[in-house]
Amino acid sequence: MFDRKLGCALAAAMATSSSLISPPTDAGSLSYSTVSAFDQTFFNSNARNVGGCLTLIEAGASQPQRLLVGMPGSRNPSGGINVGRTNPVEILANGNWAPLPAGVQGSPTGDVSNSGYYGWRCDSFGTRHVVSQNGFLRAHVYNDGVIEQSLIPTLTGVPTNQAPNSAVAIHGNLLALGAPHDNGNRGRVHLWSRAGTTWTLLQVLDSGAGATVGGQFGWSLDLYGEQLVVGAPAEGSQGLVHAFRRNATTGLFDPMGSLLVAGGLDGATPARIGHSVAINELDGSTLIVGAPEARLAALAQPTGAALLYRADSGTASGWQPVARIEPPDGTTSARALGSTVALRGLTALAADPENLTQLASTGAVYAYTLFAGAFTPASVVRYVRATSSADLFGWSLSFLDGDGIAVGAPGSFSISPPNGIVYQFGRDRLLSDGFETP
């Protein structure tokens, strides 16, 4: 499901340079193009918060390749509020989208009471996908569209009325579910491993002796092979990202320490480093970390930023900081860059759902591409409607093989509650300057 052109280019870049990305740099002076024309959209007028999560699922024996769209604010057939549902959208051979109404699903464990929020987070690997629930903190695994198992963690000391955030990741035979309010509101990550079609609890992780109440360990996470990264955006003064690596002997994940942060950020501003994380989908060689409340040392107000890392076995954490990407338009419109991030091959995406245009909080997605050894701005993607604000455009992101990206705007339509919408932007729109293929 990965873009072969990107894979070849990335391999070539790594073969010719020991440093894939340049040292930390301010990208604010570089030019970029604005993209406002989309290729197609998906929405469901009977749903709420369409685009709460997005993930691309490979074709299986009975199901086509499809984009899974979370609709976490949706009612269920019996009328429960904010129960949540998902809707698969088939991707046809010509790239067009075809919704599959028969595939609309809710929680398979019968959670029909209010505020389950099934579909705020989802992920996929091969023909399997996983959908988490915020309200009940559980993960539901499907294979080729059929429920395989529902995974329910055992929580301790979760504060009353604290709606859990449920980051989830699946890769190979491993699955990770974040529980940032577990462990007396310090946070934990619950890990399962699969043998055949059975998932078994493997390990429960926390941030160790430095765990702090309210640190939100597990707010974000990602898996690739033997690597696991976990965000704790309220730990320390600016937030932390913890690295873990699977031990070949024990099969368990060993803590590798927290990632170093390059300079350039105002140390007095809580940056929420680790609010979002994404390991390169193509080969796991790079990592992007969102810090949506970061203030750059040279600017007067927070704009957010994203930090780039390269896998490096010579460092304690296994990740070497190599670049910082910033909004090319500075404080003109940026408010929370790095709220959502994605990384695949030579392309990095950093979303700012609170980005300002002529209306408040319409949102934007910044695309950066690896060129001449550095990630540089390629385009800023916006879609602005004159009657809308608070769209949360960029709340969710998904690469679409060679067909560009899907962007979720679950607050779109500005009604109560919002319906939401998903947009597709073709790759030629994102990377139209000619340097995306070194």
Protein backbone atom coordinates (compact mmCIF):
# COMPACT_ATOMS: atom_id res chain seq x y z
CA MET A 1 0.00 0.00 0.00
CA PHE A 2 3.05 2.26 -0.03
CA ASP A 3 4.17 4.57 -2.85
CA ARG A 4 7.01 2.82 -4.66
CA LYS A 5 8.39 6.09 -6.04
CA LEU A 6 8.72 7.51 -2.53
CA GLY A 7 10.34 4.31 -1.32
CA CYS A 8 13.01 4.35 -4.02
CA ALA A 9 13.73 8.04 -3.46
CA LEU A 10 14.03 7.59 0.30
CA ALA A 11 16.37 4.63 -0.11
CA ALA A 12 18.54 6.65 -2.49
CA ALA A 13 18.68 9.61 -0.11
CA MET A 14 19.73 7.38 2.78
CA ALA A 15 22.35 5.63 0.68
CA THR A 16 24.05 8.90 -0.30
CA SER A 17 23.95 10.69 3.05
CA SER A 18 24.60 9.67 6.63
CA SER A 19 22.35 12.56 7.74
CA LEU A 20 18.99 12.29 6.06
CA ILE A 21 17.75 15.62 7.36
CA SER A 22 19.62 18.84 7.96
CA PRO A 23 20.26 20.26 11.48
CA PRO A 24 17.43 22.20 13.14
CA THR A 25 16.52 25.19 11.01
CA ASP A 26 13.92 27.89 10.75
CA ALA A 27 11.86 27.20 7.66
CA GLY A 28 9.80 30.35 8.00
CA SER A 29 11.50 32.26 5.19
CA LEU A 30 10.96 29.59 2.56
CA SER A 31 8.23 29.89 -0.03
CA TYR A 32 5.23 27.61 -0.41
CA SER A 33 2.07 27.39 -2.44
CA THR A 34 -1.50 27.47 -1.16
CA VAL A 35 -3.82 24.64 -2.13
CA SER A 36 -7.54 25.22 -1.81
CA ALA A 37 -9.03 23.01 -4.54
CA PHE A 38 -9.95 19.48 -3.45
CA ASP A 39 -10.55 16.45 -5.64
CA GLN A 40 -13.51 14.88 -3.85
CA THR A 41 -15.25 14.73 -0.50
CA PHE A 42 -17.14 12.32 1.71
CA PHE A 43 -19.82 13.16 4.25
CA ASN A 44 -22.78 11.42 5.83
CA SER A 45 -25.73 13.68 6.58
CA ASN A 46 -27.03 11.22 9.18
CA ALA A 47 -23.73 11.16 11.09
CA ARG A 48 -21.82 13.49 13.39
CA ASN A 49 -18.13 14.42 13.46
CA VAL A 50 -17.35 12.70 10.13
CA GLY A 51 -13.57 12.60 9.88
CA GLY A 52 -12.93 12.06 13.59
CA CYS A 53 -10.30 9.52 12.49
CA LEU A 54 -9.00 8.26 9.13
CA THR A 55 -7.00 5.18 8.15
CA LEU A 56 -6.36 3.38 4.86
CA ILE A 57 -7.05 -0.39 4.91
CA GLU A 58 -5.61 -2.81 2.38
CA ALA A 59 -7.87 -5.02 0.27
CA GLY A 60 -8.58 -8.45 1.70
CA ALA A 61 -10.28 -11.63 0.51
CA SER A 62 -13.76 -10.11 0.81
CA GLN A 63 -13.22 -6.35 1.21
CA PRO A 64 -11.74 -3.81 -1.24
CA GLN A 65 -9.12 -1.22 -0.39
CA ARG A 66 -10.95 1.41 1.62
CA LEU A 67 -10.58 4.49 3.72
CA LEU A 68 -12.11 4.04 7.16
CA VAL A 69 -13.82 7.21 8.39
CA GLY A 70 -14.60 7.69 12.08
CA MET A 71 -17.89 9.39 13.02
CA PRO A 72 -17.59 9.47 16.84
CA GLY A 73 -20.45 11.85 17.58
CA SER A 74 -23.02 9.76 15.72
CA ARG A 75 -26.12 8.26 17.24
CA ASN A 76 -26.72 4.55 17.10
CA PRO A 77 -29.95 3.12 15.60
CA SER A 78 -31.65 3.13 19.00
CA GLY A 79 -30.93 6.83 19.51
CA GLY A 80 -27.95 6.87 21.90
CA ILE A 81 -26.06 10.18 21.69
CA ASN A 82 -22.32 10.33 20.86
CA VAL A 83 -22.13 6.55 20.67
CA GLY A 84 -20.05 6.72 17.49
CA ARG A 85 -19.80 4.76 14.25
CA THR A 86 -17.39 4.19 11.36
CA ASN A 87 -18.05 4.28 7.63
CA PRO A 88 -15.76 2.58 5.07
CA VAL A 89 -15.24 4.33 1.73
CA GLU A 90 -14.05 2.14 -1.14
CA ILE A 91 -11.21 3.52 -3.24
CA LEU A 92 -11.92 2.52 -6.83
CA ALA A 93 -9.29 1.73 -9.44
CA ASN A 94 -9.62 5.23 -10.88
CA GLY A 95 -9.08 6.78 -7.44
CA ASN A 96 -12.72 7.80 -6.94
CA TRP A 97 -14.42 7.23 -3.61
CA ALA A 98 -17.50 5.03 -3.25
CA PRO A 99 -19.12 4.93 0.23
CA LEU A 100 -20.07 1.48 1.50
CA PRO A 101 -23.23 2.07 3.56
CA ALA A 102 -23.58 -1.63 4.35
CA GLY A 103 -20.23 -1.46 6.13
CA VAL A 104 -21.21 1.21 8.68
CA GLN A 105 -20.32 -0.15 12.12
CA GLY A 106 -20.73 0.78 15.75
CA SER A 107 -19.16 -0.72 18.83
CA PRO A 108 -19.32 -4.53 18.63
CA THR A 109 -19.54 -4.88 22.42
CA GLY A 110 -23.02 -3.43 22.68
CA ASP A 111 -22.02 -0.06 24.15
CA VAL A 112 -25.21 1.78 23.26
CA SER A 113 -25.20 4.26 26.14
CA ASN A 114 -24.31 7.89 25.55
CA SER A 115 -20.78 9.23 25.05
CA GLY A 116 -18.92 6.10 24.00
CA TYR A 117 -17.32 8.07 21.13
CA TYR A 118 -16.44 5.05 19.02
CA GLY A 119 -14.28 6.31 16.14
CA TRP A 120 -12.19 9.21 17.47
CA ARG A 121 -9.04 7.14 16.93
CA CYS A 122 -8.26 4.36 14.44
CA ASP A 123 -5.28 2.72 12.75
CA SER A 124 -4.59 -0.11 10.32
CA PHE A 125 -1.98 -2.59 9.21
CA GLY A 126 -2.56 -4.76 6.17
CA THR A 127 -6.13 -6.07 6.21
CA ARG A 128 -6.53 -5.41 9.93
CA HIS A 129 -7.76 -2.22 11.49
CA VAL A 130 -8.46 -1.10 15.01
CA VAL A 131 -10.98 1.44 16.33
CA SER A 132 -10.84 2.80 19.86
CA GLN A 133 -13.51 4.31 22.08
CA ASN A 134 -12.83 7.34 24.21
CA GLY A 135 -15.80 6.95 26.54
CA PHE A 136 -15.12 3.34 27.51
CA LEU A 137 -11.39 3.07 26.68
CA ARG A 138 -11.23 -0.09 24.64
CA ALA A 139 -9.91 -1.17 21.26
CA HIS A 140 -11.82 -3.22 18.69
CA VAL A 141 -9.76 -5.19 16.14
CA TYR A 142 -11.16 -6.18 12.75
CA ASN A 143 -9.70 -8.39 10.03
CA ASP A 144 -11.00 -7.95 6.50
CA GLY A 145 -13.97 -6.04 7.89
CA VAL A 146 -15.00 -8.67 10.47
CA ILE A 147 -14.56 -8.17 14.22
CA GLU A 148 -11.68 -10.27 15.51
CA GLN A 149 -11.52 -9.25 19.17
CA SER A 150 -12.40 -6.43 21.56
CA LEU A 151 -9.57 -5.48 23.92
CA ILE A 152 -10.49 -3.96 27.28
CA PRO A 153 -7.66 -2.75 29.55
CA THR A 154 -7.76 -2.88 33.33
CA LEU A 155 -7.50 0.68 34.65
CA THR A 156 -6.60 1.97 38.11
CA GLY A 157 -7.17 5.34 39.71
CA VAL A 158 -8.90 7.01 36.76
CA PRO A 159 -10.29 10.39 37.93
CA THR A 160 -14.07 10.79 38.00
CA ASN A 161 -15.54 12.57 34.99
CA GLN A 162 -12.22 12.36 33.17
CA ALA A 163 -12.98 11.41 29.58
CA PRO A 164 -10.08 9.21 28.49
CA ASN A 165 -8.19 9.88 25.30
CA SER A 166 -7.59 6.61 23.47
CA ALA A 167 -4.65 6.75 21.08
CA VAL A 168 -4.23 3.44 19.28
CA ALA A 169 -1.67 1.87 16.94
CA ILE A 170 -1.33 -1.51 15.25
CA HIS A 171 1.69 -2.92 13.42
CA GLY A 172 2.34 -6.55 12.57
CA ASN A 173 1.19 -8.69 15.50
CA LEU A 174 1.35 -5.85 18.05
CA LEU A 175 -1.26 -3.36 19.22
CA ALA A 176 -0.87 -0.43 21.62
CA LEU A 177 -3.65 1.50 23.38
CA GLY A 178 -2.94 4.71 25.27
CA ALA A 179 -4.65 5.41 28.60
CA PRO A 180 -3.37 8.85 29.70
CA HIS A 181 -5.63 9.01 32.77
CA ASP A 182 -4.76 5.49 34.00
CA ASN A 183 -2.42 4.90 36.94
CA GLY A 184 -3.78 7.67 39.13
CA ASN A 185 -3.92 10.12 36.22
CA ARG A 186 -0.25 9.54 35.34
CA GLY A 187 -0.92 7.48 32.22
CA ARG A 188 -0.14 4.03 30.90
CA VAL A 189 0.08 2.20 27.57
CA HIS A 190 -1.45 -1.27 27.25
CA LEU A 191 0.19 -3.61 24.72
CA TRP A 192 -1.25 -6.77 23.16
CA SER A 193 0.37 -9.35 20.90
CA ARG A 194 -1.38 -11.61 18.41
CA ALA A 195 -0.96 -15.33 17.75
CA GLY A 196 -3.18 -16.38 14.85
CA THR A 197 -6.45 -14.60 15.52
CA THR A 198 -6.08 -14.27 19.30
CA TRP A 199 -4.83 -11.13 21.01
CA THR A 200 -3.24 -11.49 24.47
CA LEU A 201 -2.11 -8.76 26.85
CA LEU A 202 1.67 -8.53 26.54
CA GLN A 203 2.71 -5.64 28.76
CA VAL A 204 1.60 -2.45 30.51
CA LEU A 205 4.01 0.48 30.29
CA ASP A 206 4.35 3.77 32.15
CA SER A 207 6.92 6.55 32.15
CA GLY A 208 8.82 5.14 35.11
CA ALA A 209 10.13 6.99 38.14
CA GLY A 210 9.50 10.34 36.48
CA ALA A 211 5.77 9.74 36.03
CA THR A 212 3.79 12.77 37.17
CA VAL A 213 0.12 13.20 38.00
CA GLY A 214 -1.51 14.78 34.97
CA GLY A 215 1.49 14.00 32.73
CA GLN A 216 -0.75 12.34 30.11
CA PHE A 217 1.63 9.51 29.23
CA GLY A 218 -0.11 7.66 26.39
CA TRP A 219 -1.88 10.70 24.94
CA SER A 220 -0.24 9.79 21.61
CA LEU A 221 1.72 6.77 20.41
CA ASP A 222 2.94 4.91 17.36
CA LEU A 223 4.38 1.50 16.56
CA TYR A 224 6.73 0.34 13.83
CA GLY A 225 8.38 -3.07 14.00
CA GLU A 226 10.24 -3.25 17.31
CA GLN A 227 9.93 0.49 17.97
CA LEU A 228 7.31 2.22 20.13
CA VAL A 229 7.12 5.94 20.88
CA VAL A 230 4.72 7.42 23.44
CA GLY A 231 3.84 11.06 23.97
CA ALA A 232 3.38 12.58 27.43
CA PRO A 233 2.64 16.19 26.47
CA ALA A 234 2.09 17.43 30.03
CA GLU A 235 5.21 15.86 31.59
CA GLY A 236 8.04 18.19 32.49
CA SER A 237 7.93 21.84 31.51
CA GLN A 238 7.26 21.33 27.80
CA GLY A 239 6.17 17.71 27.33
CA LEU A 240 8.13 14.54 26.65
CA VAL A 241 8.24 11.67 24.18
CA HIS A 242 9.35 8.29 25.54
CA ALA A 243 11.00 5.64 23.38
CA PHE A 244 10.74 1.88 23.86
CA ARG A 245 12.31 -0.99 21.95
CA ARG A 246 11.27 -4.64 21.96
CA ASN A 247 13.79 -6.97 23.56
CA ALA A 248 14.60 -9.87 21.22
CA THR A 249 15.11 -12.22 24.19
CA THR A 250 12.14 -11.44 26.42
CA GLY A 251 9.73 -10.16 23.76
CA LEU A 252 8.91 -7.22 26.03
CA PHE A 253 9.49 -3.53 25.41
CA ASP A 254 12.41 -1.95 27.26
CA PRO A 255 12.43 1.78 28.08
CA MET A 256 15.06 3.70 26.12
CA GLY A 257 14.54 7.10 27.72
CA SER A 258 12.94 10.29 26.48
CA LEU A 259 13.82 12.02 23.22
CA LEU A 260 16.10 15.03 23.20
CA VAL A 261 14.61 18.31 22.00
CA ALA A 262 16.62 20.62 19.76
CA GLY A 263 16.86 24.32 20.55
CA GLY A 264 14.78 27.12 19.16
CA LEU A 265 11.67 26.76 21.31
CA ASP A 266 10.84 29.12 24.15
CA GLY A 267 11.54 27.12 27.28
CA ALA A 268 9.06 29.10 29.37
CA THR A 269 6.08 28.12 27.20
CA PRO A 270 4.39 24.71 27.70
CA ALA A 271 4.83 23.35 24.18
CA ARG A 272 2.89 20.07 24.58
CA ILE A 273 5.71 18.18 22.90
CA GLY A 274 4.32 14.72 22.19
CA HIS A 275 0.71 15.80 21.66
CA SER A 276 1.01 13.84 18.40
CA VAL A 277 3.63 11.40 17.08
CA ALA A 278 4.08 9.42 13.85
CA ILE A 279 6.85 7.05 12.75
CA ASN A 280 7.57 7.01 9.02
CA GLU A 281 5.04 4.61 7.51
CA LEU A 282 7.44 3.55 4.77
CA ASP A 283 10.39 2.15 6.71
CA GLY A 284 10.43 3.48 10.28
CA SER A 285 13.59 5.51 9.65
CA THR A 286 12.22 8.89 10.73
CA LEU A 287 9.79 10.25 13.30
CA ILE A 288 7.70 13.41 13.54
CA VAL A 289 6.53 14.85 16.88
CA GLY A 290 3.90 17.56 17.22
CA ALA A 291 4.20 20.42 19.70
CA PRO A 292 1.05 22.47 19.03
CA GLU A 293 1.52 24.98 21.85
CA ALA A 294 5.19 25.70 21.14
CA ARG A 295 6.36 29.26 20.83
CA LEU A 296 9.43 29.78 18.70
CA ALA A 297 12.05 31.83 20.48
CA ALA A 298 11.91 34.55 17.81
CA LEU A 299 8.13 34.97 17.83
CA ALA A 300 5.80 36.79 20.18
CA GLN A 301 3.04 34.19 20.37
CA PRO A 302 2.68 30.41 20.16
CA THR A 303 2.25 28.99 16.66
CA GLY A 304 3.08 25.35 17.26
CA ALA A 305 5.85 23.37 15.62
CA ALA A 306 6.84 19.82 14.71
CA LEU A 307 10.13 18.09 15.46
CA LEU A 308 11.83 15.62 13.13
CA TYR A 309 14.02 12.73 14.31
CA ARG A 310 16.14 10.10 12.57
CA ALA A 311 16.49 6.56 13.89
CA ASP A 312 19.99 6.31 15.35
CA SER A 313 21.15 3.31 17.38
CA GLY A 314 24.05 5.39 18.67
CA THR A 315 21.79 7.52 20.85
CA ALA A 316 20.28 6.46 24.16
CA SER A 317 16.68 6.77 22.99
CA GLY A 318 17.38 5.43 19.50
CA TRP A 319 16.25 8.74 17.92
CA GLN A 320 18.41 11.69 16.93
CA PRO A 321 16.85 15.19 16.61
CA VAL A 322 17.61 16.51 13.13
CA ALA A 323 15.11 19.22 12.15
CA ARG A 324 12.32 21.46 13.27
CA ILE A 325 9.50 22.42 10.95
CA GLU A 326 7.53 25.58 11.48
CA PRO A 327 4.61 27.37 9.83
CA PRO A 328 6.00 29.21 6.80
CA ASP A 329 3.56 32.06 7.44
CA GLY A 330 4.69 32.54 11.04
CA THR A 331 2.16 34.20 13.30
CA THR A 332 -0.01 35.42 10.42
CA SER A 333 -2.45 32.55 10.80
CA ALA A 334 -0.74 29.63 12.61
CA ARG A 335 -2.07 28.78 16.07
CA ALA A 336 -1.51 25.07 16.76
CA LEU A 337 0.80 23.52 14.17
CA GLY A 338 1.53 19.90 15.08
CA SER A 339 -1.88 19.06 16.54
CA THR A 340 -1.90 16.16 14.07
CA VAL A 341 1.12 14.78 12.20
CA ALA A 342 1.84 12.14 9.56
CA LEU A 343 5.04 11.00 7.87
CA ARG A 344 5.55 8.82 4.84
CA GLY A 345 8.63 8.52 2.71
CA LEU A 346 9.75 12.00 1.73
CA THR A 347 6.58 13.81 2.80
CA ALA A 348 5.75 15.16 6.26
CA LEU A 349 2.34 16.57 7.18
CA ALA A 350 1.66 18.82 10.16
CA ALA A 351 -1.89 20.02 10.74
CA ASP A 352 -3.14 23.12 12.51
CA PRO A 353 -6.91 22.69 13.04
CA GLU A 354 -7.06 26.09 14.75
CA ASN A 355 -5.39 27.92 11.87
CA LEU A 356 -6.95 31.29 11.15
CA THR A 357 -8.06 32.48 7.74
CA GLN A 358 -10.79 35.03 7.29
CA LEU A 359 -12.77 32.99 9.82
CA ALA A 360 -11.72 31.62 13.18
CA SER A 361 -10.33 28.11 13.47
CA THR A 362 -11.00 26.94 9.94
CA GLY A 363 -7.78 24.90 9.94
CA ALA A 364 -4.88 24.12 7.64
CA VAL A 365 -2.50 21.29 6.79
CA TYR A 366 1.12 22.05 5.98
CA ALA A 367 2.97 19.67 3.66
CA TYR A 368 6.75 19.50 3.77
CA THR A 369 8.98 17.53 1.45
CA LEU A 370 12.57 16.33 1.75
CA PHE A 371 14.69 18.38 -0.67
CA ALA A 372 18.45 18.92 -0.67
CA GLY A 373 18.77 17.26 2.73
CA ALA A 374 16.05 19.21 4.55
CA PHE A 375 12.29 19.12 4.97
CA THR A 376 11.09 22.34 3.34
CA PRO A 377 7.58 23.75 2.91
CA ALA A 378 5.89 22.52 -0.25
CA SER A 379 2.31 23.66 0.24
CA VAL A 380 -0.32 24.69 2.74
CA VAL A 381 -3.66 23.01 2.23
CA ARG A 382 -6.83 24.88 3.14
CA TYR A 383 -10.43 24.69 2.17
CA VAL A 384 -12.41 27.70 3.29
CA ARG A 385 -16.16 28.13 3.06
CA ALA A 386 -17.55 31.59 3.60
CA THR A 387 -20.29 30.34 5.94
CA SER A 388 -18.18 28.17 8.20
CA SER A 389 -15.85 28.46 11.16
CA ALA A 390 -14.48 25.94 13.66
CA ASP A 391 -14.25 23.28 10.93
CA LEU A 392 -11.24 21.65 12.65
CA PHE A 393 -9.82 20.98 9.20
CA GLY A 394 -6.76 18.78 9.76
CA TRP A 395 -8.04 17.03 12.88
CA SER A 396 -7.26 13.72 11.13
CA LEU A 397 -4.91 12.80 8.27
CA SER A 398 -4.27 9.77 6.09
CA PHE A 399 -1.95 9.15 3.17
CA LEU A 400 -3.67 7.55 0.15
CA ASP A 401 -0.90 5.66 -1.63
CA GLY A 402 -0.10 7.66 -4.76
CA ASP A 403 -3.38 9.55 -4.64
CA GLY A 404 -2.46 12.27 -2.15
CA ILE A 405 -4.00 12.66 1.26
CA ALA A 406 -7.34 12.60 3.04
CA VAL A 407 -8.06 15.36 5.56
CA GLY A 408 -10.80 15.20 8.17
CA ALA A 409 -12.76 18.25 9.32
CA PRO A 410 -15.09 16.81 11.98
CA GLY A 411 -16.34 20.22 13.08
CA SER A 412 -17.46 21.20 9.60
CA PHE A 413 -20.88 22.70 8.82
CA SER A 414 -20.97 24.69 12.08
CA ILE A 415 -24.26 23.29 13.27
CA SER A 416 -24.96 21.67 16.60
CA PRO A 417 -23.81 18.98 16.58
CA PRO A 418 -21.51 19.24 13.51
CA ASN A 419 -21.75 16.72 10.68
CA GLY A 420 -18.12 16.85 9.57
CA ILE A 421 -16.57 16.15 6.18
CA VAL A 422 -13.50 14.46 4.66
CA TYR A 423 -11.57 15.96 1.74
CA GLN A 424 -9.16 14.39 -0.73
CA PHE A 425 -6.26 16.42 -2.09
CA GLY A 426 -4.27 14.79 -4.89
CA ARG A 427 -0.52 14.36 -4.64
CA ASP A 428 0.00 16.65 -7.63
CA ARG A 429 -1.67 19.44 -5.66
CA LEU A 430 0.56 18.95 -2.63
CA LEU A 431 3.88 18.59 -4.39
CA SER A 432 3.57 20.58 -7.58
CA ASP A 433 6.96 22.33 -7.60
CA GLY A 434 8.91 19.55 -9.28
CA PHE A 435 11.33 18.60 -6.52
CA GLU A 436 9.37 15.81 -4.88
CA THR A 437 11.28 13.11 -6.80
CA PRO A 438 15.05 13.57 -6.23
